[in-house]
């Protein structure tokens, strides 16, 4: 079994923590952007451990166009 490591950037640029911000877009069927919001997700870890990180869930509310 491989020991756990804290969240860090790897050589391929993968970071095992939530991003500081995300952009969410609402598109119509033709791909036209109807709404967009950038937000700092308020996420929680839903698996793994504090030491090893794990999957996270976050909710971002996008206003209706």
Protein backbone atom coordinates (compact mmCIF):
# COMPACT_ATOMS: atom_id res chain seq x y z
CA UNK A 1 0.00 0.00 0.00
CA UNK A 2 1.31 3.44 -0.94
CA UNK A 3 1.47 5.93 1.95
CA UNK A 4 -0.69 9.05 1.82
CA UNK A 5 0.66 12.42 0.76
CA UNK A 6 -0.85 15.85 1.46
CA UNK A 7 -2.45 17.75 -1.47
CA UNK A 8 0.35 19.07 -3.68
CA UNK A 9 0.92 19.93 -7.31
CA UNK A 10 2.44 17.08 -9.29
CA UNK A 11 4.81 17.26 -12.23
CA UNK A 12 1.82 17.05 -14.59
CA UNK A 13 0.13 20.01 -12.89
CA UNK A 14 -2.63 18.09 -11.10
CA UNK A 15 -3.59 19.54 -7.74
CA UNK A 16 -5.68 17.46 -5.37
CA UNK A 17 -7.56 20.36 -3.79
CA UNK A 18 -10.54 22.48 -4.85
CA UNK A 19 -9.73 25.33 -7.26
CA UNK A 20 -9.88 28.90 -5.97
CA UNK A 21 -12.56 29.71 -8.55
CA UNK A 22 -14.64 28.06 -11.24
CA UNK A 23 -16.53 29.40 -14.25
CA UNK A 24 -19.97 27.94 -14.97
CA UNK A 25 -21.80 28.69 -18.22
CA UNK A 26 -25.39 28.02 -19.29
CA UNK A 27 -25.67 27.40 -23.04
CA UNK A 28 -28.66 27.07 -25.33
CA UNK A 29 -28.97 24.22 -27.84
CA UNK A 30 -26.92 26.13 -30.41
CA UNK A 31 -24.10 26.75 -27.93
CA UNK A 32 -24.90 30.43 -27.36
CA UNK A 33 -23.92 31.49 -23.85
CA UNK A 34 -27.01 32.55 -21.90
CA UNK A 35 -25.48 33.05 -18.48
CA UNK A 36 -22.06 32.83 -16.86
CA UNK A 37 -20.83 33.09 -13.29
CA UNK A 38 -17.39 32.82 -11.73
CA UNK A 39 -17.37 31.75 -8.11
CA UNK A 40 -15.18 30.42 -5.37
CA UNK A 41 -16.73 27.03 -4.68
CA UNK A 42 -17.62 26.30 -1.08
CA UNK A 43 -16.74 22.63 -1.26
CA UNK A 44 -16.53 19.76 1.15
CA UNK A 45 -14.54 16.55 1.00
CA UNK A 46 -16.87 13.58 0.51
CA UNK A 47 -14.31 10.79 0.57
CA UNK A 48 -10.70 10.01 1.35
CA UNK A 49 -9.05 11.46 4.43
CA UNK A 50 -7.79 14.86 5.55
CA UNK A 51 -4.21 13.65 5.09
CA UNK A 52 -4.76 12.13 1.63
CA UNK A 53 -7.43 14.44 0.27
CA UNK A 54 -10.10 12.71 -1.79
CA UNK A 55 -13.15 13.56 -3.86
CA UNK A 56 -14.87 16.88 -3.17
CA UNK A 57 -18.32 18.26 -3.94
CA UNK A 58 -19.17 21.92 -4.40
CA UNK A 59 -22.31 23.78 -5.37
CA UNK A 60 -22.37 26.86 -7.57
CA UNK A 61 -25.66 28.69 -8.19
CA UNK A 62 -26.04 30.21 -11.65
CA UNK A 63 -28.74 32.86 -12.10
CA UNK A 64 -31.41 32.07 -14.67
CA UNK A 65 -30.91 33.91 -17.97
